[in-house]
Amino acid sequence: MIRSLKQRQPGHPLRRIVWWHLCHMLCVVWFAFSYRFRFFGQHHIPRSGPVLFVSNHQSMLDPIIVGIGSSHRQFYALARATLWKNKILGWLMDSLNAIPVDQHNPDASTMKRCIEVLKQDHALLVFPEGARTYSGQTEAFEPGTMLIIKRAKPTIVPVALDGAYNAWPRTRRLPRPFGRIACIYGEPIESETLLAMKPKAALRHLQNSVENLRLELAGSTQN
């Protein structure tokens, strides 16, 4: 049991891993009750080695959604640096492996940190659209993701979310209390497969993989 827990965040103290697990369980209860949450394809997530989750970005709930289904690979994720202005929220973000990023003026240190955690065999979640969608559709992916893949050479797991946009569109200050949300983890893609392509073609391949998964999910949140 202890060994299995430690594999979720290699090299991290057990108390940090257990804290993530506790937060995970609370979110499971919340989402099961409020959003009738379902997830698929969890078996596609590698148990060890560097993993890069590449997901569409529909709402502020997205990191929680991805984390519920991938509890055996506790990940790092980027978050707005302004969230650290609140000391309590900043502590919470640190405890859950958030990496601060200035969305208006990103610097090289953020990219360096992303590459560093992957080289330490951790998992990392990125939203290559760069910001939450205004329409619910998957927007164009930004090129920074390919730099991470080139430098760290992780296994890439495409992830798609559906229903989160309706639950909390970026035009609302607070999420709706009820809805239907689903998440799917696609088949892993080896970094060498993407690096063999031209960068723009590789990004299109990633975006198409995520969008196809999203369309696959669309029916499950409507039925």
C-alpha atoms as a PDB file:
ATOM      1  CA  MET A   1       0.000   0.000   0.000  1.00  0.00           C
ATOM      2  CA  ILE A   2       2.727   2.496   0.986  1.00  0.00           C
ATOM      3  CA  ARG A   3       4.819   1.589  -2.055  1.00  0.00           C
ATOM      4  CA  SER A   4       1.812   2.082  -4.332  1.00  0.00           C
ATOM      5  CA  LEU A   5       1.135   5.513  -2.850  1.00  0.00           C
ATOM      6  CA  LYS A   6       4.751   6.615  -3.244  1.00  0.00           C
ATOM      7  CA  GLN A   7       4.666   5.718  -6.944  1.00  0.00           C
ATOM      8  CA  ARG A   8       2.059   8.436  -7.466  1.00  0.00           C
ATOM      9  CA  GLN A   9       4.672  11.159  -6.875  1.00  0.00           C
ATOM     10  CA  PRO A  10       8.192   9.701  -7.022  1.00  0.00           C
ATOM     11  CA  GLY A  11      10.542  11.215  -4.465  1.00  0.00           C
ATOM     12  CA  HIS A  12       7.888  13.228  -2.629  1.00  0.00           C
ATOM     13  CA  PRO A  13       7.106  12.805   1.081  1.00  0.00           C
ATOM     14  CA  LEU A  14       4.218  10.507   1.895  1.00  0.00           C
ATOM     15  CA  ARG A  15       2.262  13.262   3.681  1.00  0.00           C
ATOM     16  CA  ARG A  16       2.138  15.292   0.463  1.00  0.00           C
ATOM     17  CA  ILE A  17       0.858  12.295  -1.503  1.00  0.00           C
ATOM     18  CA  VAL A  18      -1.776  11.469   1.120  1.00  0.00           C
ATOM     19  CA  TRP A  19      -2.922  15.124   1.170  1.00  0.00           C
ATOM     20  CA  TRP A  20      -3.468  15.011  -2.610  1.00  0.00           C
ATOM     21  CA  HIS A  21      -5.363  11.729  -2.173  1.00  0.00           C
ATOM     22  CA  LEU A  22      -7.618  13.261   0.493  1.00  0.00           C
ATOM     23  CA  CYS A  23      -8.411  16.243  -1.764  1.00  0.00           C
ATOM     24  CA  HIS A  24      -9.055  13.792  -4.576  1.00  0.00           C
ATOM     25  CA  MET A  25     -11.609  11.849  -2.539  1.00  0.00           C
ATOM     26  CA  LEU A  26     -13.465  15.030  -1.556  1.00  0.00           C
ATOM     27  CA  CYS A  27     -13.631  16.075  -5.211  1.00  0.00           C
ATOM     28  CA  VAL A  28     -14.901  12.615  -6.218  1.00  0.00           C
ATOM     29  CA  VAL A  29     -17.853  13.020  -3.855  1.00  0.00           C
ATOM     30  CA  TRP A  30     -18.522  16.581  -5.050  1.00  0.00           C
ATOM     31  CA  PHE A  31     -18.442  15.716  -8.764  1.00  0.00           C
ATOM     32  CA  ALA A  32     -20.399  12.493  -8.416  1.00  0.00           C
ATOM     33  CA  PHE A  33     -23.203  14.377  -6.659  1.00  0.00           C
ATOM     34  CA  SER A  34     -23.191  17.644  -8.617  1.00  0.00           C
ATOM     35  CA  TYR A  35     -22.068  16.654 -12.093  1.00  0.00           C
ATOM     36  CA  ARG A  36     -22.801  12.912 -12.404  1.00  0.00           C
ATOM     37  CA  PHE A  37     -19.141  12.671 -13.385  1.00  0.00           C
ATOM     38  CA  ARG A  38     -17.885   9.802 -15.531  1.00  0.00           C
ATOM     39  CA  PHE A  39     -14.420   9.040 -16.855  1.00  0.00           C
ATOM     40  CA  PHE A  40     -13.087   6.595 -19.417  1.00  0.00           C
ATOM     41  CA  GLY A  41      -9.742   5.240 -20.576  1.00  0.00           C
ATOM     42  CA  GLN A  42      -7.936   5.399 -17.236  1.00  0.00           C
ATOM     43  CA  HIS A  43      -6.021   2.257 -18.238  1.00  0.00           C
ATOM     44  CA  HIS A  44      -4.186   4.294 -20.868  1.00  0.00           C
ATOM     45  CA  ILE A  45      -2.260   6.244 -18.199  1.00  0.00           C
ATOM     46  CA  PRO A  46       1.273   4.827 -17.696  1.00  0.00           C
ATOM     47  CA  ARG A  47       2.035   3.782 -14.128  1.00  0.00           C
ATOM     48  CA  SER A  48       5.598   5.091 -14.218  1.00  0.00           C
ATOM     49  CA  GLY A  49       7.922   7.366 -16.164  1.00  0.00           C
ATOM     50  CA  PRO A  50       7.335  10.950 -17.342  1.00  0.00           C
ATOM     51  CA  VAL A  51       3.775  11.569 -18.538  1.00  0.00           C
ATOM     52  CA  LEU A  52       2.429  14.692 -20.222  1.00  0.00           C
ATOM     53  CA  PHE A  53      -1.356  15.054 -20.063  1.00  0.00           C
ATOM     54  CA  VAL A  54      -2.518  17.241 -22.964  1.00  0.00           C
ATOM     55  CA  SER A  55      -6.097  18.429 -22.511  1.00  0.00           C
ATOM     56  CA  ASN A  56      -8.646  20.834 -23.924  1.00  0.00           C
ATOM     57  CA  HIS A  57      -9.531  23.711 -21.599  1.00  0.00           C
ATOM     58  CA  GLN A  58     -13.212  24.380 -20.915  1.00  0.00           C
ATOM     59  CA  SER A  59     -13.349  25.738 -17.374  1.00  0.00           C
ATOM     60  CA  MET A  60     -11.637  26.418 -14.062  1.00  0.00           C
ATOM     61  CA  LEU A  61     -12.748  22.938 -13.018  1.00  0.00           C
ATOM     62  CA  ASP A  62     -10.535  21.223 -15.587  1.00  0.00           C
ATOM     63  CA  PRO A  63      -7.478  20.350 -13.421  1.00  0.00           C
ATOM     64  CA  ILE A  64      -9.814  18.771 -10.852  1.00  0.00           C
ATOM     65  CA  ILE A  65     -11.582  16.788 -13.573  1.00  0.00           C
ATOM     66  CA  VAL A  66      -8.343  15.418 -15.019  1.00  0.00           C
ATOM     67  CA  GLY A  67      -7.063  14.664 -11.520  1.00  0.00           C
ATOM     68  CA  ILE A  68     -10.098  12.614 -10.458  1.00  0.00           C
ATOM     69  CA  GLY A  69      -9.513   9.976 -13.112  1.00  0.00           C
ATOM     70  CA  SER A  70      -5.715   9.995 -12.920  1.00  0.00           C
ATOM     71  CA  SER A  71      -5.352   9.620  -9.164  1.00  0.00           C
ATOM     72  CA  HIS A  72      -2.636   6.977  -9.548  1.00  0.00           C
ATOM     73  CA  ARG A  73      -0.461   9.578 -11.339  1.00  0.00           C
ATOM     74  CA  GLN A  74      -0.619  12.766  -9.293  1.00  0.00           C
ATOM     75  CA  PHE A  75       0.539  15.553 -11.567  1.00  0.00           C
ATOM     76  CA  TYR A  76       1.895  19.076 -11.707  1.00  0.00           C
ATOM     77  CA  ALA A  77      -0.149  21.726 -13.536  1.00  0.00           C
ATOM     78  CA  LEU A  78       0.199  25.363 -14.531  1.00  0.00           C
ATOM     79  CA  ALA A  79      -1.948  27.968 -12.762  1.00  0.00           C
ATOM     80  CA  ARG A  80      -2.337  31.742 -12.942  1.00  0.00           C
ATOM     81  CA  ALA A  81       0.292  33.482 -10.820  1.00  0.00           C
ATOM     82  CA  THR A  82      -2.366  35.878  -9.491  1.00  0.00           C
ATOM     83  CA  LEU A  83      -3.880  33.020  -7.468  1.00  0.00           C
ATOM     84  CA  TRP A  84      -0.866  33.215  -5.132  1.00  0.00           C
ATOM     85  CA  LYS A  85      -1.885  36.724  -4.016  1.00  0.00           C
ATOM     86  CA  ASN A  86      -4.170  35.027  -1.505  1.00  0.00           C
ATOM     87  CA  LYS A  87      -1.827  33.346   0.996  1.00  0.00           C
ATOM     88  CA  ILE A  88      -4.203  30.499   1.872  1.00  0.00           C
ATOM     89  CA  LEU A  89      -4.995  29.773  -1.761  1.00  0.00           C
ATOM     90  CA  GLY A  90      -1.307  30.042  -2.606  1.00  0.00           C
ATOM     91  CA  TRP A  91      -0.462  27.461   0.056  1.00  0.00           C
ATOM     92  CA  LEU A  92      -3.140  25.142  -1.336  1.00  0.00           C
ATOM     93  CA  MET A  93      -1.819  25.556  -4.878  1.00  0.00           C
ATOM     94  CA  ASP A  94       1.730  24.755  -3.739  1.00  0.00           C
ATOM     95  CA  SER A  95       0.567  21.683  -1.838  1.00  0.00           C
ATOM     96  CA  LEU A  96      -1.142  20.360  -4.985  1.00  0.00           C
ATOM     97  CA  ASN A  97       1.882  20.854  -7.254  1.00  0.00           C
ATOM     98  CA  ALA A  98       0.691  23.943  -9.116  1.00  0.00           C
ATOM     99  CA  ILE A  99       3.309  25.857 -11.108  1.00  0.00           C
ATOM    100  CA  PRO A 100       2.637  29.634 -11.264  1.00  0.00           C
ATOM    101  CA  VAL A 101       2.647  31.245 -14.695  1.00  0.00           C
ATOM    102  CA  ASP A 102       2.108  34.848 -15.742  1.00  0.00           C
ATOM    103  CA  GLN A 103      -0.312  34.448 -18.656  1.00  0.00           C
ATOM    104  CA  HIS A 104       0.414  37.951 -19.943  1.00  0.00           C
ATOM    105  CA  ASN A 105       4.194  37.770 -19.634  1.00  0.00           C
ATOM    106  CA  PRO A 106       5.393  34.135 -19.406  1.00  0.00           C
ATOM    107  CA  ASP A 107       9.101  33.620 -18.861  1.00  0.00           C
ATOM    108  CA  ALA A 108      11.616  30.843 -19.425  1.00  0.00           C
ATOM    109  CA  SER A 109      11.574  29.752 -15.778  1.00  0.00           C
ATOM    110  CA  THR A 110       8.069  28.294 -16.152  1.00  0.00           C
ATOM    111  CA  MET A 111       9.074  26.227 -19.168  1.00  0.00           C
ATOM    112  CA  LYS A 112      12.240  25.123 -17.368  1.00  0.00           C
ATOM    113  CA  ARG A 113      10.198  23.971 -14.367  1.00  0.00           C
ATOM    114  CA  CYS A 114       7.827  21.957 -16.582  1.00  0.00           C
ATOM    115  CA  ILE A 115      10.745  20.174 -18.233  1.00  0.00           C
ATOM    116  CA  GLU A 116      12.412  19.598 -14.869  1.00  0.00           C
ATOM    117  CA  VAL A 117       9.428  17.804 -13.288  1.00  0.00           C
ATOM    118  CA  LEU A 118       9.069  15.533 -16.301  1.00  0.00           C
ATOM    119  CA  LYS A 119      12.752  14.637 -16.194  1.00  0.00           C
ATOM    120  CA  GLN A 120      12.176  13.619 -12.571  1.00  0.00           C
ATOM    121  CA  ASP A 121       9.610  11.058 -13.833  1.00  0.00           C
ATOM    122  CA  HIS A 122       6.597  13.048 -12.650  1.00  0.00           C
ATOM    123  CA  ALA A 123       3.400  13.732 -14.588  1.00  0.00           C
ATOM    124  CA  LEU A 124       2.479  17.173 -15.900  1.00  0.00           C
ATOM    125  CA  LEU A 125      -0.859  18.544 -17.118  1.00  0.00           C
ATOM    126  CA  VAL A 126      -0.902  21.239 -19.809  1.00  0.00           C
ATOM    127  CA  PHE A 127      -3.684  23.038 -21.649  1.00  0.00           C
ATOM    128  CA  PRO A 128      -2.087  23.924 -25.005  1.00  0.00           C
ATOM    129  CA  GLU A 129      -4.916  26.311 -25.923  1.00  0.00           C
ATOM    130  CA  GLY A 130      -3.372  28.659 -23.357  1.00  0.00           C
ATOM    131  CA  ALA A 131      -6.711  29.854 -21.986  1.00  0.00           C
ATOM    132  CA  ARG A 132     -10.245  28.639 -21.413  1.00  0.00           C
ATOM    133  CA  THR A 133     -12.407  28.396 -24.503  1.00  0.00           C
ATOM    134  CA  TYR A 134     -15.138  30.969 -25.128  1.00  0.00           C
ATOM    135  CA  SER A 135     -17.191  28.584 -27.267  1.00  0.00           C
ATOM    136  CA  GLY A 136     -16.737  25.108 -25.833  1.00  0.00           C
ATOM    137  CA  GLN A 137     -14.813  24.077 -28.949  1.00  0.00           C
ATOM    138  CA  THR A 138     -11.123  23.134 -28.861  1.00  0.00           C
ATOM    139  CA  GLU A 139      -9.044  26.136 -29.945  1.00  0.00           C
ATOM    140  CA  ALA A 140      -5.669  26.100 -31.731  1.00  0.00           C
ATOM    141  CA  PHE A 141      -2.769  24.688 -29.716  1.00  0.00           C
ATOM    142  CA  GLU A 142       0.170  26.949 -28.911  1.00  0.00           C
ATOM    143  CA  PRO A 143       3.742  25.835 -29.793  1.00  0.00           C
ATOM    144  CA  GLY A 144       5.166  25.727 -26.245  1.00  0.00           C
ATOM    145  CA  THR A 145       3.908  22.178 -25.777  1.00  0.00           C
ATOM    146  CA  MET A 146       6.210  20.895 -28.499  1.00  0.00           C
ATOM    147  CA  LEU A 147       9.224  22.466 -26.771  1.00  0.00           C
ATOM    148  CA  ILE A 148       8.375  20.560 -23.584  1.00  0.00           C
ATOM    149  CA  ILE A 149       8.033  17.337 -25.568  1.00  0.00           C
ATOM    150  CA  LYS A 150      11.320  17.924 -27.379  1.00  0.00           C
ATOM    151  CA  ARG A 151      13.292  18.616 -24.204  1.00  0.00           C
ATOM    152  CA  ALA A 152      11.736  16.086 -21.799  1.00  0.00           C
ATOM    153  CA  LYS A 153      10.552  13.318 -24.185  1.00  0.00           C
ATOM    154  CA  PRO A 154       7.589  12.190 -22.040  1.00  0.00           C
ATOM    155  CA  THR A 155       4.826   9.803 -22.961  1.00  0.00           C
ATOM    156  CA  ILE A 156       1.893  11.961 -24.067  1.00  0.00           C
ATOM    157  CA  VAL A 157      -1.637  11.104 -22.978  1.00  0.00           C
ATOM    158  CA  PRO A 158      -4.334  13.095 -24.840  1.00  0.00           C
ATOM    159  CA  VAL A 159      -7.247  14.018 -22.586  1.00  0.00           C
ATOM    160  CA  ALA A 160     -10.655  15.406 -23.496  1.00  0.00           C
ATOM    161  CA  LEU A 161     -13.301  16.990 -21.301  1.00  0.00           C
ATOM    162  CA  ASP A 162     -16.928  17.627 -22.150  1.00  0.00           C
ATOM    163  CA  GLY A 163     -19.622  19.291 -20.112  1.00  0.00           C
ATOM    164  CA  ALA A 164     -17.231  21.445 -18.090  1.00  0.00           C
ATOM    165  CA  TYR A 165     -17.899  24.414 -20.370  1.00  0.00           C
ATOM    166  CA  ASN A 166     -21.613  24.241 -19.597  1.00  0.00           C
ATOM    167  CA  ALA A 167     -20.896  23.793 -15.894  1.00  0.00           C
ATOM    168  CA  TRP A 168     -18.618  26.830 -15.656  1.00  0.00           C
ATOM    169  CA  PRO A 169     -18.112  28.930 -18.802  1.00  0.00           C
ATOM    170  CA  ARG A 170     -15.568  31.687 -18.441  1.00  0.00           C
ATOM    171  CA  THR A 171     -18.377  34.268 -18.673  1.00  0.00           C
ATOM    172  CA  ARG A 172     -19.735  33.114 -15.273  1.00  0.00           C
ATOM    173  CA  ARG A 173     -18.211  34.140 -11.974  1.00  0.00           C
ATOM    174  CA  LEU A 174     -19.197  30.886 -10.234  1.00  0.00           C
ATOM    175  CA  PRO A 175     -19.919  27.371 -11.506  1.00  0.00           C
ATOM    176  CA  ARG A 176     -23.429  26.053 -11.955  1.00  0.00           C
ATOM    177  CA  PRO A 177     -24.289  23.738  -9.045  1.00  0.00           C
ATOM    178  CA  PHE A 178     -25.379  20.833 -11.242  1.00  0.00           C
ATOM    179  CA  GLY A 179     -24.641  19.417 -14.673  1.00  0.00           C
ATOM    180  CA  ARG A 180     -23.028  16.516 -16.508  1.00  0.00           C
ATOM    181  CA  ILE A 181     -19.291  16.231 -17.022  1.00  0.00           C
ATOM    182  CA  ALA A 182     -17.189  13.480 -18.568  1.00  0.00           C
ATOM    183  CA  CYS A 183     -13.485  12.943 -19.149  1.00  0.00           C
ATOM    184  CA  ILE A 184     -11.639  10.498 -21.390  1.00  0.00           C
ATOM    185  CA  TYR A 185      -7.947   9.551 -21.527  1.00  0.00           C
ATOM    186  CA  GLY A 186      -6.778   8.507 -24.983  1.00  0.00           C
ATOM    187  CA  GLU A 187      -4.145   6.049 -26.112  1.00  0.00           C
ATOM    188  CA  PRO A 188      -0.598   7.177 -25.234  1.00  0.00           C
ATOM    189  CA  ILE A 189       1.537   8.796 -27.916  1.00  0.00           C
ATOM    190  CA  GLU A 190       5.294   8.354 -27.781  1.00  0.00           C
ATOM    191  CA  SER A 191       7.248  11.593 -28.029  1.00  0.00           C
ATOM    192  CA  GLU A 192       9.334  10.182 -30.909  1.00  0.00           C
ATOM    193  CA  THR A 193       6.156   9.906 -32.994  1.00  0.00           C
ATOM    194  CA  LEU A 194       5.481  13.631 -32.679  1.00  0.00           C
ATOM    195  CA  LEU A 195       9.112  14.678 -32.963  1.00  0.00           C
ATOM    196  CA  ALA A 196       9.343  12.863 -36.300  1.00  0.00           C
ATOM    197  CA  MET A 197       6.781  15.348 -37.649  1.00  0.00           C
ATOM    198  CA  LYS A 198       7.193  19.046 -38.347  1.00  0.00           C
ATOM    199  CA  PRO A 199       6.163  21.071 -35.274  1.00  0.00           C
ATOM    200  CA  LYS A 200       2.965  22.483 -36.799  1.00  0.00           C
ATOM    201  CA  ALA A 201       1.913  19.047 -38.041  1.00  0.00           C
ATOM    202  CA  ALA A 202       2.629  17.537 -34.615  1.00  0.00           C
ATOM    203  CA  LEU A 203       0.494  20.191 -32.910  1.00  0.00           C
ATOM    204  CA  ARG A 204      -2.348  19.553 -35.360  1.00  0.00           C
ATOM    205  CA  HIS A 205      -2.046  15.823 -34.646  1.00  0.00           C
ATOM    206  CA  LEU A 206      -2.286  16.467 -30.913  1.00  0.00           C
ATOM    207  CA  GLN A 207      -5.207  18.847 -31.309  1.00  0.00           C
ATOM    208  CA  ASN A 208      -7.064  16.419 -33.566  1.00  0.00           C
ATOM    209  CA  SER A 209      -6.480  13.602 -31.066  1.00  0.00           C
ATOM    210  CA  VAL A 210      -7.991  15.678 -28.254  1.00  0.00           C
ATOM    211  CA  GLU A 211     -10.880  17.014 -30.330  1.00  0.00           C
ATOM    212  CA  ASN A 212     -11.805  13.548 -31.609  1.00  0.00           C
ATOM    213  CA  LEU A 213     -11.923  12.327 -28.016  1.00  0.00           C
ATOM    214  CA  ARG A 214     -14.088  15.318 -27.067  1.00  0.00           C
ATOM    215  CA  LEU A 215     -16.559  14.551 -29.834  1.00  0.00           C
ATOM    216  CA  GLU A 216     -16.628  10.936 -28.654  1.00  0.00           C
ATOM    217  CA  LEU A 217     -17.596  12.183 -25.205  1.00  0.00           C
ATOM    218  CA  ALA A 218     -20.219  14.687 -26.367  1.00  0.00           C
ATOM    219  CA  GLY A 219     -22.974  12.106 -26.592  1.00  0.00           C
ATOM    220  CA  SER A 220     -22.265  10.728 -23.108  1.00  0.00           C
ATOM    221  CA  THR A 221     -22.950  14.096 -21.454  1.00  0.00           C
ATOM    222  CA  GLN A 222     -26.204  14.577 -23.350  1.00  0.00           C
ATOM    223  CA  ASN A 223     -27.798  11.150 -22.912  1.00  0.00           C
END
